[in-house]
N, C-alpha and C. Protein backbone atom coordinates (compact mmCIF):
# COMPACT_ATOMS: atom_id res chain seq x y z
N MET A 1 119.36 90.43 117.10
CA MET A 1 118.14 90.97 116.55
C MET A 1 117.02 90.79 117.56
N LEU A 2 116.17 91.81 117.69
CA LEU A 2 115.05 91.73 118.62
C LEU A 2 113.75 91.85 117.83
N LEU A 3 112.89 90.84 117.93
CA LEU A 3 111.57 90.85 117.31
C LEU A 3 110.56 91.15 118.41
N THR A 4 109.95 92.32 118.37
CA THR A 4 109.16 92.80 119.50
C THR A 4 107.67 92.49 119.42
N GLY A 5 107.23 91.96 118.28
CA GLY A 5 105.81 91.60 118.17
C GLY A 5 104.90 92.80 118.40
N ASP A 6 103.83 92.57 119.17
CA ASP A 6 102.85 93.63 119.44
C ASP A 6 102.98 94.20 120.84
N LEU A 7 104.20 94.29 121.35
CA LEU A 7 104.39 94.89 122.66
C LEU A 7 103.80 96.31 122.69
N ASN A 8 103.17 96.66 123.83
CA ASN A 8 102.68 98.01 124.03
C ASN A 8 103.28 98.58 125.30
N SER A 9 102.87 99.79 125.68
CA SER A 9 103.49 100.45 126.82
C SER A 9 103.29 99.67 128.11
N ALA A 10 102.13 99.03 128.28
CA ALA A 10 101.88 98.27 129.51
C ALA A 10 102.83 97.07 129.63
N SER A 11 102.99 96.33 128.53
CA SER A 11 103.88 95.17 128.56
C SER A 11 105.34 95.59 128.65
N GLU A 12 105.69 96.71 128.02
CA GLU A 12 107.06 97.21 128.12
C GLU A 12 107.38 97.63 129.56
N ARG A 13 106.39 98.23 130.22
CA ARG A 13 106.59 98.62 131.62
C ARG A 13 106.86 97.39 132.49
N ARG A 14 106.10 96.31 132.25
CA ARG A 14 106.30 95.09 133.02
C ARG A 14 107.69 94.51 132.77
N LEU A 15 108.12 94.53 131.52
CA LEU A 15 109.45 94.01 131.19
C LEU A 15 110.55 94.84 131.85
N LEU A 16 110.40 96.15 131.82
CA LEU A 16 111.40 97.01 132.45
C LEU A 16 111.44 96.80 133.96
N GLU A 17 110.27 96.67 134.57
CA GLU A 17 110.22 96.42 136.02
C GLU A 17 110.91 95.09 136.35
N HIS A 18 110.60 94.06 135.57
CA HIS A 18 111.13 92.72 135.86
C HIS A 18 112.65 92.67 135.71
N TYR A 19 113.17 93.27 134.64
CA TYR A 19 114.60 93.12 134.35
C TYR A 19 115.49 94.20 134.95
N THR A 20 114.91 95.33 135.36
CA THR A 20 115.75 96.40 135.92
C THR A 20 115.43 96.72 137.37
N GLY A 21 114.24 96.33 137.84
CA GLY A 21 113.83 96.67 139.20
C GLY A 21 113.27 98.07 139.33
N PHE A 22 113.20 98.82 138.22
CA PHE A 22 112.66 100.18 138.23
C PHE A 22 111.28 100.20 137.58
N ASP A 23 110.39 101.03 138.13
CA ASP A 23 109.09 101.28 137.51
C ASP A 23 109.20 102.57 136.71
N PRO A 24 109.11 102.52 135.38
CA PRO A 24 109.29 103.73 134.58
C PRO A 24 108.26 104.82 134.86
N ALA A 25 107.13 104.45 135.47
CA ALA A 25 106.11 105.45 135.77
C ALA A 25 106.43 106.23 137.04
N GLU A 26 107.38 105.73 137.83
CA GLU A 26 107.64 106.36 139.13
C GLU A 26 109.10 106.78 139.32
N VAL A 27 109.96 106.46 138.40
CA VAL A 27 111.38 106.69 138.57
C VAL A 27 111.75 108.17 138.37
N ASP A 28 112.78 108.65 139.08
CA ASP A 28 113.26 110.01 138.86
C ASP A 28 114.27 110.00 137.71
N GLU A 29 114.82 111.18 137.38
CA GLU A 29 115.68 111.29 136.20
C GLU A 29 116.95 110.45 136.34
N ALA A 30 117.54 110.44 137.52
CA ALA A 30 118.76 109.64 137.72
C ALA A 30 118.44 108.16 137.62
N GLY A 31 117.33 107.76 138.23
CA GLY A 31 116.93 106.36 138.15
C GLY A 31 116.55 105.95 136.74
N ARG A 32 116.00 106.89 135.99
CA ARG A 32 115.62 106.61 134.61
C ARG A 32 116.85 106.27 133.77
N ALA A 33 117.91 107.05 133.94
CA ALA A 33 119.14 106.77 133.21
C ALA A 33 119.71 105.42 133.60
N GLN A 34 119.65 105.08 134.89
CA GLN A 34 120.16 103.79 135.35
C GLN A 34 119.30 102.66 134.82
N MET A 35 117.99 102.86 134.79
CA MET A 35 117.07 101.85 134.28
C MET A 35 117.36 101.55 132.81
N ILE A 36 117.57 102.59 132.01
CA ILE A 36 117.84 102.39 130.59
C ILE A 36 119.15 101.63 130.40
N GLU A 37 120.15 101.97 131.20
CA GLU A 37 121.44 101.28 131.10
C GLU A 37 121.29 99.81 131.45
N LEU A 38 120.53 99.50 132.49
CA LEU A 38 120.28 98.10 132.86
C LEU A 38 119.48 97.38 131.78
N ALA A 39 118.51 98.08 131.20
CA ALA A 39 117.69 97.49 130.15
C ALA A 39 118.53 97.12 128.94
N ARG A 40 119.56 97.90 128.65
CA ARG A 40 120.41 97.61 127.50
C ARG A 40 121.18 96.31 127.68
N SER A 41 121.46 95.94 128.91
CA SER A 41 122.16 94.67 129.13
C SER A 41 121.28 93.49 128.77
N VAL A 42 119.98 93.71 128.65
CA VAL A 42 119.04 92.63 128.31
C VAL A 42 118.53 92.77 126.87
N PHE A 43 118.16 93.99 126.48
CA PHE A 43 117.42 94.19 125.23
C PHE A 43 118.23 94.81 124.10
N ALA A 44 119.43 95.29 124.38
CA ALA A 44 120.20 95.97 123.32
C ALA A 44 120.38 95.05 122.12
N SER A 45 120.14 95.60 120.93
CA SER A 45 120.15 94.80 119.70
C SER A 45 120.80 95.57 118.57
N ASP A 46 121.35 94.85 117.62
CA ASP A 46 121.93 95.48 116.44
C ASP A 46 120.86 95.81 115.41
N ALA A 47 119.77 95.05 115.41
CA ALA A 47 118.63 95.31 114.53
C ALA A 47 117.37 94.94 115.29
N ALA A 48 116.33 95.74 115.13
CA ALA A 48 115.08 95.48 115.85
C ALA A 48 113.90 95.68 114.91
N LYS A 49 112.87 94.90 115.15
CA LYS A 49 111.59 95.10 114.46
C LYS A 49 110.72 95.92 115.39
N SER A 50 110.23 97.03 114.90
CA SER A 50 109.48 97.97 115.74
C SER A 50 108.23 97.33 116.32
N CYS A 51 107.91 97.71 117.55
CA CYS A 51 106.72 97.19 118.22
C CYS A 51 105.45 97.60 117.47
N HIS A 52 104.56 96.66 117.30
CA HIS A 52 103.19 96.89 116.82
C HIS A 52 103.12 97.84 115.62
N HIS A 53 103.91 97.57 114.61
CA HIS A 53 103.84 98.29 113.33
C HIS A 53 104.13 99.78 113.44
N GLY A 54 104.83 100.20 114.49
CA GLY A 54 105.10 101.62 114.66
C GLY A 54 103.98 102.36 115.35
N SER A 55 103.28 101.66 116.25
CA SER A 55 102.21 102.27 117.04
C SER A 55 102.75 103.36 117.96
N ALA A 56 101.85 104.27 118.40
CA ALA A 56 102.23 105.32 119.36
C ALA A 56 102.22 104.81 120.79
N ASP A 57 101.79 103.57 121.00
CA ASP A 57 101.67 103.01 122.36
C ASP A 57 102.98 102.33 122.75
N PHE A 58 103.98 103.16 123.12
CA PHE A 58 105.30 102.64 123.48
C PHE A 58 105.89 103.50 124.58
N LEU A 59 106.96 103.00 125.21
CA LEU A 59 107.70 103.77 126.21
C LEU A 59 109.06 104.15 125.65
N ASP A 60 109.43 105.42 125.78
CA ASP A 60 110.75 105.86 125.34
C ASP A 60 111.86 105.09 126.04
N GLU A 61 111.64 104.78 127.32
CA GLU A 61 112.67 104.05 128.08
C GLU A 61 112.94 102.67 127.50
N PHE A 62 111.89 102.03 126.97
CA PHE A 62 112.08 100.70 126.38
C PHE A 62 112.87 100.82 125.07
N LEU A 63 112.56 101.84 124.26
CA LEU A 63 113.34 102.06 123.04
C LEU A 63 114.79 102.36 123.37
N GLY A 64 115.00 103.11 124.46
CA GLY A 64 116.37 103.38 124.91
C GLY A 64 117.09 102.12 125.31
N GLY A 65 116.36 101.16 125.85
CA GLY A 65 116.95 99.88 126.22
C GLY A 65 117.33 99.04 125.01
N ILE A 66 116.55 99.16 123.94
CA ILE A 66 116.86 98.40 122.71
C ILE A 66 118.10 98.97 122.04
N ASP A 67 118.17 100.31 121.94
CA ASP A 67 119.40 100.98 121.47
C ASP A 67 119.89 100.44 120.14
N ALA A 68 118.98 100.27 119.18
CA ALA A 68 119.35 99.65 117.91
C ALA A 68 119.79 100.68 116.87
N PRO A 69 120.86 100.41 116.12
CA PRO A 69 121.24 101.29 115.03
C PRO A 69 120.36 101.10 113.79
N VAL A 70 119.63 99.97 113.74
CA VAL A 70 118.74 99.66 112.61
C VAL A 70 117.39 99.21 113.15
N THR A 71 116.32 99.85 112.68
CA THR A 71 114.97 99.43 113.05
C THR A 71 114.15 99.25 111.79
N VAL A 72 113.40 98.15 111.73
CA VAL A 72 112.50 97.89 110.61
C VAL A 72 111.06 97.98 111.13
N ILE A 73 110.25 98.76 110.43
CA ILE A 73 108.84 98.89 110.78
C ILE A 73 108.03 98.20 109.69
N SER A 74 107.29 97.17 110.07
CA SER A 74 106.47 96.43 109.12
C SER A 74 105.01 96.81 109.33
N SER A 75 104.41 97.46 108.32
CA SER A 75 102.99 97.81 108.38
C SER A 75 102.44 97.84 106.97
N GLY A 76 101.13 97.63 106.86
CA GLY A 76 100.52 97.50 105.54
C GLY A 76 99.80 98.75 105.07
N ASP A 77 99.41 98.74 103.80
CA ASP A 77 98.62 99.83 103.24
C ASP A 77 97.16 99.66 103.62
N ASP A 78 96.38 100.70 103.36
CA ASP A 78 94.92 100.65 103.50
C ASP A 78 94.50 100.24 104.91
N GLU A 79 95.03 100.94 105.92
CA GLU A 79 94.65 100.67 107.31
C GLU A 79 94.34 101.99 108.00
N PRO A 80 93.48 101.97 109.05
CA PRO A 80 92.98 103.21 109.65
C PRO A 80 93.84 103.77 110.78
N PHE A 81 95.03 103.22 111.03
CA PHE A 81 95.80 103.61 112.21
C PHE A 81 96.96 104.56 111.90
N SER A 82 97.24 104.79 110.62
CA SER A 82 98.34 105.66 110.20
C SER A 82 99.68 105.19 110.76
N HIS A 83 99.90 103.88 110.75
CA HIS A 83 101.20 103.34 111.16
C HIS A 83 102.19 103.49 109.99
N PRO A 84 103.44 103.83 110.30
CA PRO A 84 103.97 104.14 111.63
C PRO A 84 103.60 105.56 112.06
N ARG A 85 103.34 105.73 113.35
CA ARG A 85 102.93 107.02 113.88
C ARG A 85 104.12 108.00 113.88
N PRO A 86 103.86 109.30 113.67
CA PRO A 86 104.95 110.27 113.61
C PRO A 86 105.82 110.29 114.86
N ASP A 87 105.18 110.15 116.05
CA ASP A 87 105.98 110.19 117.27
C ASP A 87 106.83 108.93 117.42
N ALA A 88 106.34 107.80 116.88
CA ALA A 88 107.15 106.58 116.91
C ALA A 88 108.40 106.75 116.05
N LEU A 89 108.24 107.35 114.87
CA LEU A 89 109.41 107.58 114.01
C LEU A 89 110.42 108.49 114.68
N GLY A 90 109.91 109.57 115.29
CA GLY A 90 110.81 110.49 115.97
C GLY A 90 111.54 109.83 117.13
N ALA A 91 110.82 109.03 117.91
CA ALA A 91 111.43 108.38 119.07
C ALA A 91 112.44 107.32 118.64
N LEU A 92 112.16 106.60 117.56
CA LEU A 92 113.11 105.60 117.07
C LEU A 92 114.41 106.27 116.63
N GLY A 93 114.30 107.43 116.00
CA GLY A 93 115.50 108.17 115.63
C GLY A 93 116.25 108.69 116.85
N ARG A 94 115.50 109.20 117.81
CA ARG A 94 116.13 109.75 119.02
C ARG A 94 116.84 108.69 119.83
N TRP A 95 116.22 107.52 119.97
CA TRP A 95 116.75 106.48 120.86
C TRP A 95 117.59 105.45 120.12
N GLY A 96 117.74 105.59 118.80
CA GLY A 96 118.57 104.65 118.06
C GLY A 96 120.05 104.90 118.32
N ARG A 97 120.84 103.85 118.19
CA ARG A 97 122.28 103.96 118.45
C ARG A 97 123.00 104.65 117.29
N GLY A 98 123.96 105.48 117.64
CA GLY A 98 124.78 106.14 116.64
C GLY A 98 124.24 107.50 116.24
N PRO A 99 125.02 108.26 115.49
CA PRO A 99 124.63 109.62 115.12
C PRO A 99 123.49 109.67 114.10
N ARG A 100 123.34 108.60 113.29
CA ARG A 100 122.29 108.59 112.26
C ARG A 100 121.65 107.20 112.19
N PRO A 101 120.80 106.87 113.16
CA PRO A 101 120.14 105.55 113.15
C PRO A 101 119.30 105.38 111.90
N LEU A 102 119.23 104.16 111.40
CA LEU A 102 118.47 103.87 110.19
C LEU A 102 117.09 103.32 110.55
N ILE A 103 116.06 103.85 109.91
CA ILE A 103 114.69 103.37 110.09
C ILE A 103 114.16 102.97 108.73
N PHE A 104 113.83 101.69 108.56
CA PHE A 104 113.27 101.18 107.32
C PHE A 104 111.78 100.91 107.55
N SER A 105 110.92 101.44 106.69
CA SER A 105 109.48 101.30 106.87
C SER A 105 108.83 100.79 105.59
N THR A 106 108.11 99.66 105.68
CA THR A 106 107.40 99.15 104.52
C THR A 106 106.24 100.06 104.13
N GLU A 107 105.64 100.73 105.11
CA GLU A 107 104.50 101.61 104.83
C GLU A 107 104.95 102.85 104.05
N LEU A 108 106.10 103.38 104.39
CA LEU A 108 106.59 104.58 103.72
C LEU A 108 107.20 104.27 102.37
N ALA A 109 107.49 102.99 102.13
CA ALA A 109 108.05 102.60 100.84
C ALA A 109 107.00 102.78 99.75
N ARG A 110 107.44 103.15 98.58
CA ARG A 110 106.53 103.33 97.47
C ARG A 110 106.14 101.99 96.89
N SER A 111 104.97 101.95 96.24
CA SER A 111 104.57 100.72 95.55
C SER A 111 104.07 101.09 94.16
N ALA A 112 104.31 100.21 93.20
CA ALA A 112 103.88 100.47 91.83
C ALA A 112 103.58 99.14 91.16
N LYS A 113 102.65 99.17 90.20
CA LYS A 113 102.25 97.93 89.53
C LYS A 113 103.38 97.40 88.66
N GLU A 114 103.45 96.11 88.62
CA GLU A 114 104.41 95.43 87.77
C GLU A 114 103.60 94.51 86.86
N ASN A 115 104.14 94.16 85.72
CA ASN A 115 103.40 93.28 84.82
C ASN A 115 103.00 91.99 85.51
N ILE A 116 101.73 91.59 85.32
CA ILE A 116 101.26 90.33 85.88
C ILE A 116 101.83 89.19 85.05
N LYS A 117 102.47 88.26 85.73
CA LYS A 117 103.04 87.12 85.02
C LYS A 117 101.92 86.21 84.52
N GLN A 118 102.09 85.65 83.33
CA GLN A 118 101.12 84.74 82.74
C GLN A 118 99.73 85.37 82.69
N VAL A 119 99.66 86.61 82.21
CA VAL A 119 98.39 87.33 82.20
C VAL A 119 97.35 86.64 81.31
N GLU A 120 97.79 86.01 80.21
CA GLU A 120 96.84 85.35 79.32
C GLU A 120 96.17 84.17 80.03
N ALA A 121 96.96 83.43 80.81
CA ALA A 121 96.39 82.30 81.55
C ALA A 121 95.36 82.79 82.56
N LEU A 122 95.64 83.92 83.19
CA LEU A 122 94.70 84.48 84.15
C LEU A 122 93.42 84.90 83.46
N ARG A 123 93.53 85.53 82.29
CA ARG A 123 92.36 85.95 81.53
C ARG A 123 91.52 84.75 81.10
N ASP A 124 92.20 83.70 80.63
CA ASP A 124 91.49 82.50 80.18
C ASP A 124 90.71 81.86 81.33
N GLU A 125 91.35 81.82 82.50
CA GLU A 125 90.69 81.21 83.66
C GLU A 125 89.48 82.03 84.09
N LEU A 126 89.61 83.35 84.05
CA LEU A 126 88.47 84.23 84.38
C LEU A 126 87.33 84.03 83.39
N ALA A 127 87.67 83.97 82.11
CA ALA A 127 86.64 83.79 81.09
C ALA A 127 85.94 82.45 81.27
N GLY A 128 86.70 81.40 81.60
CA GLY A 128 86.10 80.08 81.81
C GLY A 128 85.12 80.09 82.98
N LEU A 129 85.51 80.74 84.06
CA LEU A 129 84.62 80.80 85.23
C LEU A 129 83.36 81.61 84.93
N GLU A 130 83.51 82.67 84.14
CA GLU A 130 82.33 83.48 83.79
C GLU A 130 81.35 82.67 82.94
N THR A 131 81.89 81.83 82.04
CA THR A 131 81.03 80.98 81.23
C THR A 131 80.29 79.97 82.10
N VAL A 132 81.01 79.37 83.04
CA VAL A 132 80.39 78.40 83.95
C VAL A 132 79.35 79.08 84.82
N LEU A 133 79.62 80.32 85.22
CA LEU A 133 78.68 81.06 86.06
C LEU A 133 77.35 81.26 85.33
N ASP A 134 77.43 81.59 84.04
CA ASP A 134 76.21 81.78 83.25
C ASP A 134 75.38 80.51 83.17
N ALA A 135 76.06 79.36 83.22
CA ALA A 135 75.37 78.08 83.09
C ALA A 135 74.93 77.49 84.42
N ALA A 136 75.33 78.13 85.53
CA ALA A 136 75.01 77.59 86.87
C ALA A 136 73.49 77.56 87.07
N THR A 137 73.02 76.48 87.70
CA THR A 137 71.57 76.30 87.89
C THR A 137 71.14 76.42 89.35
N THR A 138 72.08 76.37 90.28
CA THR A 138 71.71 76.49 91.70
C THR A 138 72.48 77.63 92.36
N GLU A 139 71.93 78.11 93.47
CA GLU A 139 72.59 79.18 94.21
C GLU A 139 73.93 78.72 94.76
N GLU A 140 74.02 77.45 95.15
CA GLU A 140 75.27 76.91 95.69
C GLU A 140 76.36 76.92 94.63
N GLU A 141 76.01 76.54 93.41
CA GLU A 141 76.99 76.56 92.32
C GLU A 141 77.47 77.98 92.05
N ARG A 142 76.53 78.91 92.04
CA ARG A 142 76.88 80.31 91.78
C ARG A 142 77.83 80.85 92.86
N ASP A 143 77.54 80.50 94.13
CA ASP A 143 78.39 80.96 95.23
C ASP A 143 79.81 80.44 95.10
N LEU A 144 79.95 79.15 94.73
CA LEU A 144 81.28 78.55 94.58
C LEU A 144 82.06 79.23 93.44
N ILE A 145 81.36 79.49 92.33
CA ILE A 145 82.03 80.11 91.18
C ILE A 145 82.41 81.56 91.50
N LEU A 146 81.52 82.27 92.17
CA LEU A 146 81.82 83.66 92.55
C LEU A 146 83.01 83.72 93.49
N HIS A 147 83.10 82.71 94.38
CA HIS A 147 84.25 82.63 95.28
C HIS A 147 85.54 82.45 94.48
N GLY A 148 85.48 81.59 93.45
CA GLY A 148 86.64 81.38 92.60
C GLY A 148 87.02 82.63 91.83
N LEU A 149 86.02 83.38 91.37
CA LEU A 149 86.30 84.64 90.67
C LEU A 149 86.97 85.63 91.62
N GLY A 150 86.52 85.65 92.87
CA GLY A 150 87.14 86.54 93.86
C GLY A 150 88.59 86.19 94.11
N ASP A 151 88.88 84.89 94.18
CA ASP A 151 90.26 84.45 94.39
C ASP A 151 91.17 84.87 93.23
N LEU A 152 90.64 84.76 91.99
CA LEU A 152 91.43 85.15 90.82
C LEU A 152 91.67 86.67 90.81
N ALA A 153 90.63 87.42 91.19
CA ALA A 153 90.79 88.87 91.25
C ALA A 153 91.85 89.26 92.28
N SER A 154 91.86 88.55 93.42
CA SER A 154 92.87 88.81 94.45
C SER A 154 94.26 88.50 93.94
N ALA A 155 94.36 87.41 93.16
CA ALA A 155 95.67 87.03 92.60
C ALA A 155 96.19 88.13 91.69
N GLY A 156 95.29 88.75 90.92
CA GLY A 156 95.71 89.85 90.06
C GLY A 156 96.16 91.05 90.86
N GLU A 157 95.43 91.35 91.94
CA GLU A 157 95.78 92.49 92.78
C GLU A 157 97.12 92.28 93.48
N ARG A 158 97.44 91.03 93.82
CA ARG A 158 98.68 90.74 94.53
C ARG A 158 99.89 90.72 93.61
N ALA A 159 99.64 90.78 92.28
CA ALA A 159 100.75 90.80 91.33
C ALA A 159 101.35 92.19 91.29
N ILE A 160 101.79 92.66 92.44
CA ILE A 160 102.35 94.00 92.59
C ILE A 160 103.70 93.88 93.27
N ALA A 161 104.67 94.58 92.79
CA ALA A 161 105.98 94.62 93.45
C ALA A 161 106.00 95.82 94.37
N VAL A 162 106.29 95.61 95.62
CA VAL A 162 106.36 96.72 96.56
C VAL A 162 107.79 97.25 96.57
N TYR A 163 107.96 98.45 96.03
CA TYR A 163 109.28 99.05 95.98
C TYR A 163 109.59 99.65 97.32
N GLY A 164 110.70 99.27 97.87
CA GLY A 164 111.03 99.60 99.24
C GLY A 164 111.04 98.35 100.09
N LEU A 165 110.73 97.20 99.47
CA LEU A 165 110.77 95.93 100.16
C LEU A 165 112.07 95.81 100.95
N ILE A 166 111.96 95.50 102.23
CA ILE A 166 113.11 95.51 103.12
C ILE A 166 113.71 94.11 103.24
N ASN A 167 115.00 94.02 103.05
CA ASN A 167 115.72 92.76 103.19
C ASN A 167 116.84 92.92 104.21
N LEU A 168 116.98 91.94 105.08
CA LEU A 168 118.06 91.93 106.07
C LEU A 168 118.81 90.61 105.92
N ARG A 169 120.13 90.69 105.82
CA ARG A 169 120.97 89.50 105.73
C ARG A 169 122.17 89.68 106.66
N THR A 170 122.56 88.60 107.31
CA THR A 170 123.74 88.67 108.18
C THR A 170 124.44 87.32 108.21
N ASP A 171 125.76 87.38 108.34
CA ASP A 171 126.55 86.17 108.56
C ASP A 171 127.17 86.19 109.95
N GLY A 172 126.74 87.14 110.79
CA GLY A 172 127.28 87.27 112.13
C GLY A 172 128.10 88.55 112.25
N PRO A 173 129.32 88.59 111.71
CA PRO A 173 130.13 89.80 111.81
C PRO A 173 129.70 90.92 110.85
N LYS A 174 128.90 90.59 109.84
CA LYS A 174 128.44 91.60 108.89
C LYS A 174 126.91 91.57 108.80
N LEU A 175 126.34 92.75 108.58
CA LEU A 175 124.89 92.89 108.43
C LEU A 175 124.63 93.74 107.20
N VAL A 176 123.72 93.31 106.34
CA VAL A 176 123.35 94.07 105.15
C VAL A 176 121.85 94.34 105.19
N MET A 177 121.49 95.62 105.02
CA MET A 177 120.10 96.02 104.87
C MET A 177 119.93 96.56 103.46
N ALA A 178 118.88 96.14 102.77
CA ALA A 178 118.66 96.59 101.41
C ALA A 178 117.19 96.91 101.18
N GLN A 179 116.95 97.99 100.46
CA GLN A 179 115.59 98.43 100.15
C GLN A 179 115.47 98.57 98.64
N LYS A 180 114.47 97.94 98.05
CA LYS A 180 114.31 97.95 96.60
C LYS A 180 113.93 99.35 96.11
N LEU A 181 114.60 99.80 95.05
CA LEU A 181 114.34 101.12 94.48
C LEU A 181 113.10 101.08 93.59
N GLU A 182 112.44 102.22 93.48
CA GLU A 182 111.24 102.30 92.65
C GLU A 182 111.56 102.03 91.18
N ARG A 183 112.72 102.50 90.76
CA ARG A 183 113.21 102.20 89.41
C ARG A 183 114.73 102.18 89.48
N PRO A 184 115.39 101.50 88.56
CA PRO A 184 116.85 101.43 88.62
C PRO A 184 117.49 102.82 88.64
N ALA A 185 118.55 102.95 89.42
CA ALA A 185 119.30 104.22 89.49
C ALA A 185 120.09 104.43 88.20
N PRO A 186 120.57 105.66 87.95
CA PRO A 186 121.37 105.92 86.74
C PRO A 186 122.55 104.98 86.58
N ASN A 187 123.10 104.50 87.71
CA ASN A 187 124.24 103.57 87.61
C ASN A 187 123.80 102.12 87.46
N GLY A 188 122.48 101.90 87.33
CA GLY A 188 121.96 100.55 87.15
C GLY A 188 121.60 99.84 88.43
N ALA A 189 121.88 100.43 89.58
CA ALA A 189 121.57 99.79 90.86
C ALA A 189 120.06 99.66 91.04
N LYS A 190 119.63 98.53 91.58
CA LYS A 190 118.21 98.28 91.83
C LYS A 190 117.87 98.32 93.32
N TRP A 191 118.90 98.43 94.16
CA TRP A 191 118.69 98.40 95.61
C TRP A 191 119.46 99.52 96.29
N ASP A 192 118.87 100.07 97.35
CA ASP A 192 119.56 100.97 98.26
C ASP A 192 120.16 100.10 99.35
N VAL A 193 121.47 99.96 99.36
CA VAL A 193 122.14 98.99 100.22
C VAL A 193 122.90 99.69 101.34
N HIS A 194 122.76 99.16 102.56
CA HIS A 194 123.48 99.67 103.73
C HIS A 194 124.20 98.50 104.40
N ARG A 195 125.52 98.64 104.57
CA ARG A 195 126.32 97.58 105.17
C ARG A 195 126.75 97.99 106.57
N PHE A 196 126.79 97.01 107.44
CA PHE A 196 127.32 97.20 108.78
C PHE A 196 128.40 96.15 109.00
N GLU A 197 129.51 96.57 109.59
CA GLU A 197 130.61 95.64 109.87
C GLU A 197 131.12 95.87 111.29
N LEU A 198 131.63 94.80 111.90
CA LEU A 198 132.18 94.92 113.24
C LEU A 198 133.50 95.68 113.21
N ASP A 199 133.60 96.64 114.14
CA ASP A 199 134.83 97.42 114.28
C ASP A 199 135.11 97.53 115.77
N ASP A 200 136.13 96.80 116.23
CA ASP A 200 136.44 96.75 117.67
C ASP A 200 135.23 96.32 118.49
N GLY A 201 134.50 95.35 117.95
CA GLY A 201 133.35 94.81 118.67
C GLY A 201 132.07 95.60 118.51
N GLU A 202 132.14 96.74 117.81
CA GLU A 202 130.96 97.60 117.61
C GLU A 202 130.52 97.51 116.15
N LEU A 203 129.22 97.32 115.94
CA LEU A 203 128.70 97.25 114.59
C LEU A 203 128.57 98.67 114.03
N ARG A 204 129.28 98.94 112.92
CA ARG A 204 129.31 100.29 112.38
C ARG A 204 128.78 100.30 110.96
N HIS A 205 128.10 101.38 110.63
CA HIS A 205 127.46 101.54 109.33
C HIS A 205 128.50 101.89 108.26
N VAL A 206 128.47 101.13 107.16
CA VAL A 206 129.34 101.41 106.00
C VAL A 206 128.42 101.57 104.81
N ARG A 207 128.26 102.77 104.34
CA ARG A 207 127.32 103.05 103.25
C ARG A 207 127.76 102.37 101.96
N GLY A 208 126.76 101.83 101.20
CA GLY A 208 127.03 101.27 99.88
C GLY A 208 127.23 99.77 99.90
């Protein structure tokens, strides 16, 4: 597994230069193919976490070096960058290993509200803080209570199940990727499950 953090095109170029001896900005087509092959001896992975939440600031040659059949893109809602970027998704599919590389994205996963656990306790705590707020006599007391009200409001907002939540499990020879369904399937399944198993040393996708 390769965890790429916030690598961008500049850092990927440095890594490719260091490990392959080729500069991706100056290499010809034949050298590019050789560079990618050399990069795979270092970076090739069975599962990878996409660089910088699926940013557009990447090198195709570096993705070719990773050569992963499974890529997970972790990015959040309510952000101004539109991660994952459309060209990043296309490049991950193009450079992924196998005829149908899998791309799992938390941003593209659907989300829906779920019942808040212990909702009565949350309501009671909010009501208690509101009563104390009315009785507060100093600005400092009011600020502390308002901060507490904000924390409780955040707790309520976080009581959300993100459908599409990505899970990866492996025991070495087997890899399982699972994505939570928005609602149970007609057969009762709650997860979209993808299995990979070693076949002659190659990790191969086994659906279901």
